[in-house]
């Protein structure tokens, strides 16, 4: 599994969350968690300290979108944006650097 492909799949899954019913959202959340776990398996021998931060941000937003977090009337657009931002940060040079940018 290539990290960039996994992040693209996660991003696509996050985009689907907003327009899904609660059961489909929970399935999508499970997919996201599974892909993140697989990323951790692949990168376990390397150190990506920002990954933990971005993962927490992503999962927090997804939990709100899925009704797993006790949040009063979440703004789905804002939470979707936060989740997408977390995925993009994972791909950035501050984490996995999937596009091989030089610092």
N, C-alpha and C. Protein backbone atom coordinates (compact mmCIF):
# COMPACT_ATOMS: atom_id res chain seq x y z
N UNK A 1 0.85 -1.18 0.00
CA UNK A 1 0.00 0.00 0.00
C UNK A 1 0.89 1.24 0.00
N UNK A 2 0.63 2.11 -0.89
CA UNK A 2 1.37 3.36 -0.97
C UNK A 2 0.64 4.39 -0.11
N UNK A 3 1.40 5.13 0.68
CA UNK A 3 0.82 6.08 1.62
C UNK A 3 -0.06 7.10 0.90
N UNK A 4 0.42 7.60 -0.23
CA UNK A 4 -0.35 8.60 -0.98
C UNK A 4 -1.71 8.04 -1.40
N UNK A 5 -1.74 6.80 -1.86
CA UNK A 5 -3.01 6.18 -2.26
C UNK A 5 -3.96 6.04 -1.07
N UNK A 6 -3.42 5.65 0.07
CA UNK A 6 -4.25 5.50 1.26
C UNK A 6 -4.85 6.84 1.67
N UNK A 7 -4.05 7.89 1.62
CA UNK A 7 -4.55 9.22 1.98
C UNK A 7 -5.61 9.70 1.00
N UNK A 8 -5.44 9.38 -0.28
CA UNK A 8 -6.47 9.74 -1.27
C UNK A 8 -7.78 9.01 -0.99
N UNK A 9 -7.68 7.74 -0.61
CA UNK A 9 -8.88 6.97 -0.28
C UNK A 9 -9.56 7.54 0.96
N UNK A 10 -8.76 7.91 1.95
CA UNK A 10 -9.33 8.51 3.16
C UNK A 10 -10.02 9.82 2.82
N UNK A 11 -9.38 10.64 2.00
CA UNK A 11 -9.98 11.92 1.60
C UNK A 11 -11.31 11.70 0.88
N UNK A 12 -11.34 10.75 -0.02
CA UNK A 12 -12.59 10.45 -0.73
C UNK A 12 -13.68 9.96 0.21
N UNK A 13 -13.30 9.17 1.18
CA UNK A 13 -14.26 8.65 2.15
C UNK A 13 -14.80 9.78 3.02
N UNK A 14 -13.95 10.71 3.42
CA UNK A 14 -14.39 11.86 4.21
C UNK A 14 -15.38 12.69 3.42
N UNK A 15 -15.12 12.89 2.14
CA UNK A 15 -16.03 13.68 1.31
C UNK A 15 -17.43 13.05 1.23
N UNK A 16 -17.49 11.73 1.28
CA UNK A 16 -18.77 11.03 1.19
C UNK A 16 -19.57 11.13 2.49
N UNK A 17 -18.88 11.33 3.60
CA UNK A 17 -19.55 11.36 4.91
C UNK A 17 -20.70 12.37 4.97
N UNK A 18 -20.45 13.56 4.47
CA UNK A 18 -21.42 14.65 4.61
C UNK A 18 -22.78 14.32 3.99
N UNK A 19 -22.77 13.58 2.91
CA UNK A 19 -24.01 13.29 2.20
C UNK A 19 -24.55 11.89 2.45
N UNK A 20 -24.11 11.26 3.51
CA UNK A 20 -24.52 9.88 3.81
C UNK A 20 -25.44 9.84 5.02
N UNK A 21 -26.23 8.76 5.12
CA UNK A 21 -27.03 8.59 6.33
C UNK A 21 -26.12 8.03 7.43
N UNK A 22 -26.63 7.95 8.65
CA UNK A 22 -25.79 7.61 9.79
C UNK A 22 -25.16 6.22 9.68
N UNK A 23 -25.89 5.25 9.14
CA UNK A 23 -25.32 3.91 9.01
C UNK A 23 -24.15 3.90 8.04
N UNK A 24 -24.30 4.59 6.92
CA UNK A 24 -23.20 4.67 5.95
C UNK A 24 -22.02 5.47 6.51
N UNK A 25 -22.32 6.46 7.33
CA UNK A 25 -21.24 7.23 7.96
C UNK A 25 -20.42 6.34 8.88
N UNK A 26 -21.09 5.48 9.61
CA UNK A 26 -20.36 4.58 10.52
C UNK A 26 -19.49 3.60 9.75
N UNK A 27 -19.98 3.12 8.61
CA UNK A 27 -19.18 2.23 7.76
C UNK A 27 -17.97 3.00 7.22
N UNK A 28 -18.19 4.22 6.79
CA UNK A 28 -17.08 5.05 6.29
C UNK A 28 -16.07 5.32 7.40
N UNK A 29 -16.55 5.58 8.61
CA UNK A 29 -15.65 5.81 9.74
C UNK A 29 -14.79 4.57 9.98
N UNK A 30 -15.40 3.40 9.92
CA UNK A 30 -14.64 2.16 10.10
C UNK A 30 -13.58 2.00 9.01
N UNK A 31 -13.93 2.38 7.80
CA UNK A 31 -12.97 2.33 6.69
C UNK A 31 -11.79 3.25 6.95
N UNK A 32 -12.06 4.46 7.42
CA UNK A 32 -11.00 5.42 7.72
C UNK A 32 -10.08 4.89 8.81
N UNK A 33 -10.67 4.34 9.87
CA UNK A 33 -9.87 3.79 10.97
C UNK A 33 -9.00 2.63 10.47
N UNK A 34 -9.56 1.78 9.64
CA UNK A 34 -8.80 0.65 9.10
C UNK A 34 -7.63 1.12 8.25
N UNK A 35 -7.86 2.11 7.39
CA UNK A 35 -6.77 2.64 6.57
C UNK A 35 -5.69 3.31 7.43
N UNK A 36 -6.10 4.02 8.46
CA UNK A 36 -5.12 4.64 9.36
C UNK A 36 -4.29 3.58 10.09
N UNK A 37 -4.95 2.52 10.52
CA UNK A 37 -4.22 1.43 11.18
C UNK A 37 -3.22 0.79 10.22
N UNK A 38 -3.61 0.64 8.99
CA UNK A 38 -2.71 0.07 7.99
C UNK A 38 -1.52 1.00 7.74
N UNK A 39 -1.78 2.30 7.69
CA UNK A 39 -0.68 3.27 7.55
C UNK A 39 0.31 3.13 8.71
N UNK A 40 -0.22 2.95 9.90
CA UNK A 40 0.65 2.80 11.06
C UNK A 40 1.49 1.53 10.97
N UNK A 41 0.89 0.47 10.46
CA UNK A 41 1.64 -0.78 10.27
C UNK A 41 2.79 -0.59 9.29
N UNK A 42 2.52 0.11 8.21
CA UNK A 42 3.51 0.33 7.16
C UNK A 42 4.66 1.21 7.66
N UNK A 43 4.34 2.20 8.47
CA UNK A 43 5.34 3.19 8.87
C UNK A 43 5.85 2.98 10.29
N UNK A 44 5.62 1.83 10.86
CA UNK A 44 5.96 1.61 12.27
C UNK A 44 7.46 1.75 12.56
N UNK A 45 8.31 1.56 11.58
CA UNK A 45 9.75 1.66 11.79
C UNK A 45 10.28 3.07 11.58
N UNK A 46 9.40 4.00 11.22
CA UNK A 46 9.80 5.37 10.97
C UNK A 46 9.08 6.28 11.96
N UNK A 47 9.64 7.44 12.19
CA UNK A 47 9.06 8.37 13.15
C UNK A 47 8.40 9.54 12.43
N UNK A 48 7.12 9.65 12.62
CA UNK A 48 6.34 10.77 12.08
C UNK A 48 5.57 11.40 13.24
N UNK A 49 6.21 12.27 14.03
CA UNK A 49 5.56 12.78 15.24
C UNK A 49 4.27 13.56 14.98
N UNK A 50 4.19 14.27 13.87
CA UNK A 50 2.96 15.03 13.58
C UNK A 50 1.80 14.14 13.19
N UNK A 51 2.08 12.93 12.78
CA UNK A 51 1.01 12.02 12.37
C UNK A 51 -0.01 11.82 13.48
N UNK A 52 0.46 11.66 14.70
CA UNK A 52 -0.46 11.44 15.82
C UNK A 52 -1.40 12.61 16.02
N UNK A 53 -0.89 13.81 15.83
CA UNK A 53 -1.71 15.01 15.97
C UNK A 53 -2.76 15.06 14.87
N UNK A 54 -2.32 14.85 13.63
CA UNK A 54 -3.24 14.91 12.50
C UNK A 54 -4.27 13.79 12.55
N UNK A 55 -3.85 12.63 13.00
CA UNK A 55 -4.77 11.50 13.13
C UNK A 55 -5.86 11.83 14.15
N UNK A 56 -5.45 12.40 15.28
CA UNK A 56 -6.43 12.78 16.31
C UNK A 56 -7.42 13.80 15.76
N UNK A 57 -6.91 14.81 15.03
CA UNK A 57 -7.79 15.83 14.44
C UNK A 57 -8.78 15.20 13.46
N UNK A 58 -8.28 14.31 12.62
CA UNK A 58 -9.13 13.63 11.64
C UNK A 58 -10.21 12.81 12.32
N UNK A 59 -9.82 11.99 13.28
CA UNK A 59 -10.79 11.12 13.94
C UNK A 59 -11.80 11.91 14.77
N UNK A 60 -11.36 13.00 15.38
CA UNK A 60 -12.30 13.84 16.15
C UNK A 60 -13.38 14.39 15.24
N UNK A 61 -12.99 14.92 14.09
CA UNK A 61 -13.98 15.47 13.16
C UNK A 61 -14.89 14.38 12.61
N UNK A 62 -14.32 13.22 12.30
CA UNK A 62 -15.14 12.12 11.78
C UNK A 62 -16.12 11.60 12.84
N UNK A 63 -15.66 11.57 14.09
CA UNK A 63 -16.56 11.13 15.17
C UNK A 63 -17.73 12.08 15.33
N UNK A 64 -17.47 13.38 15.19
CA UNK A 64 -18.55 14.36 15.26
C UNK A 64 -19.52 14.15 14.10
N UNK A 65 -18.99 13.95 12.91
CA UNK A 65 -19.85 13.74 11.73
C UNK A 65 -20.67 12.46 11.84
N UNK A 66 -20.14 11.47 12.55
CA UNK A 66 -20.83 10.18 12.67
C UNK A 66 -21.74 10.10 13.90
N UNK A 67 -21.78 11.17 14.67
CA UNK A 67 -22.63 11.18 15.86
C UNK A 67 -22.04 10.40 17.02
N UNK A 68 -20.75 10.12 16.98
CA UNK A 68 -20.09 9.37 18.05
C UNK A 68 -19.58 10.31 19.15
N UNK A 69 -19.48 11.58 18.85
CA UNK A 69 -19.02 12.57 19.81
C UNK A 69 -20.23 13.34 20.30
N UNK A 70 -20.25 13.67 21.56
CA UNK A 70 -21.37 14.40 22.14
C UNK A 70 -21.21 15.89 21.84
N UNK A 71 -21.61 16.26 20.63
CA UNK A 71 -21.48 17.64 20.17
C UNK A 71 -22.86 18.12 19.77
N UNK A 72 -23.26 19.25 20.27
CA UNK A 72 -24.59 19.77 19.98
C UNK A 72 -24.63 20.42 18.61
N UNK A 73 -25.33 19.79 17.69
CA UNK A 73 -25.55 20.36 16.37
C UNK A 73 -24.30 20.72 15.62
N UNK A 74 -23.48 19.74 15.26
CA UNK A 74 -22.23 20.07 14.57
C UNK A 74 -22.50 20.69 13.20
N UNK A 75 -21.66 21.60 12.81
CA UNK A 75 -21.72 22.14 11.46
C UNK A 75 -20.96 21.17 10.57
N UNK A 76 -21.68 20.42 9.78
CA UNK A 76 -21.08 19.37 8.97
C UNK A 76 -20.04 19.90 7.99
N UNK A 77 -20.28 21.07 7.45
CA UNK A 77 -19.33 21.65 6.51
C UNK A 77 -18.00 21.96 7.18
N UNK A 78 -18.06 22.51 8.38
CA UNK A 78 -16.84 22.85 9.11
C UNK A 78 -16.08 21.58 9.48
N UNK A 79 -16.80 20.58 10.00
CA UNK A 79 -16.13 19.34 10.41
C UNK A 79 -15.56 18.59 9.22
N UNK A 80 -16.25 18.61 8.10
CA UNK A 80 -15.72 17.99 6.89
C UNK A 80 -14.45 18.70 6.46
N UNK A 81 -14.46 20.02 6.51
CA UNK A 81 -13.27 20.80 6.17
C UNK A 81 -12.10 20.49 7.10
N UNK A 82 -12.38 20.37 8.38
CA UNK A 82 -11.32 20.05 9.34
C UNK A 82 -10.74 18.66 9.07
N UNK A 83 -11.60 17.71 8.77
CA UNK A 83 -11.14 16.36 8.48
C UNK A 83 -10.28 16.34 7.22
N UNK A 84 -10.72 17.03 6.19
CA UNK A 84 -9.94 17.09 4.95
C UNK A 84 -8.60 17.79 5.15
N UNK A 85 -8.60 18.82 5.96
CA UNK A 85 -7.36 19.52 6.27
C UNK A 85 -6.38 18.58 6.98
N UNK A 86 -6.88 17.78 7.91
CA UNK A 86 -6.01 16.83 8.62
C UNK A 86 -5.39 15.82 7.65
N UNK A 87 -6.19 15.35 6.69
CA UNK A 87 -5.66 14.39 5.70
C UNK A 87 -4.59 15.06 4.85
N UNK A 88 -4.83 16.28 4.44
CA UNK A 88 -3.84 16.98 3.62
C UNK A 88 -2.56 17.25 4.41
N UNK A 89 -2.70 17.55 5.69
CA UNK A 89 -1.51 17.74 6.53
C UNK A 89 -0.71 16.45 6.64
N UNK A 90 -1.40 15.31 6.67
CA UNK A 90 -0.70 14.03 6.72
C UNK A 90 0.17 13.84 5.47
N UNK A 91 -0.31 14.30 4.35
CA UNK A 91 0.44 14.17 3.10
C UNK A 91 1.52 15.22 2.91
N UNK A 92 1.50 16.26 3.74
CA UNK A 92 2.42 17.37 3.57
C UNK A 92 3.83 17.03 4.04
N UNK A 93 4.73 17.97 3.81
CA UNK A 93 6.13 17.75 4.20
C UNK A 93 6.31 17.73 5.70
N UNK A 94 5.30 18.13 6.47
CA UNK A 94 5.41 18.06 7.92
C UNK A 94 5.03 16.68 8.47
N UNK A 95 4.69 15.77 7.56
CA UNK A 95 4.34 14.41 7.99
C UNK A 95 4.93 13.41 7.00
N UNK A 96 4.10 12.82 6.14
CA UNK A 96 4.56 11.77 5.23
C UNK A 96 5.28 12.29 3.99
N UNK A 97 5.05 13.54 3.64
CA UNK A 97 5.67 14.17 2.46
C UNK A 97 5.48 13.30 1.21
N UNK A 98 4.25 13.00 0.89
CA UNK A 98 3.95 12.09 -0.21
C UNK A 98 4.34 12.62 -1.58
N UNK A 99 4.46 13.93 -1.70
CA UNK A 99 4.86 14.51 -2.99
C UNK A 99 6.35 14.82 -3.04
N UNK A 100 7.08 14.40 -2.02
CA UNK A 100 8.55 14.51 -1.96
C UNK A 100 9.03 15.95 -2.13
N UNK A 101 8.39 16.87 -1.42
CA UNK A 101 8.84 18.26 -1.42
C UNK A 101 10.09 18.37 -0.55
N UNK A 102 10.99 19.21 -0.96
CA UNK A 102 12.21 19.44 -0.19
C UNK A 102 12.02 20.63 0.72
N UNK A 103 12.54 20.51 1.90
CA UNK A 103 12.41 21.60 2.88
C UNK A 103 13.66 22.45 2.84
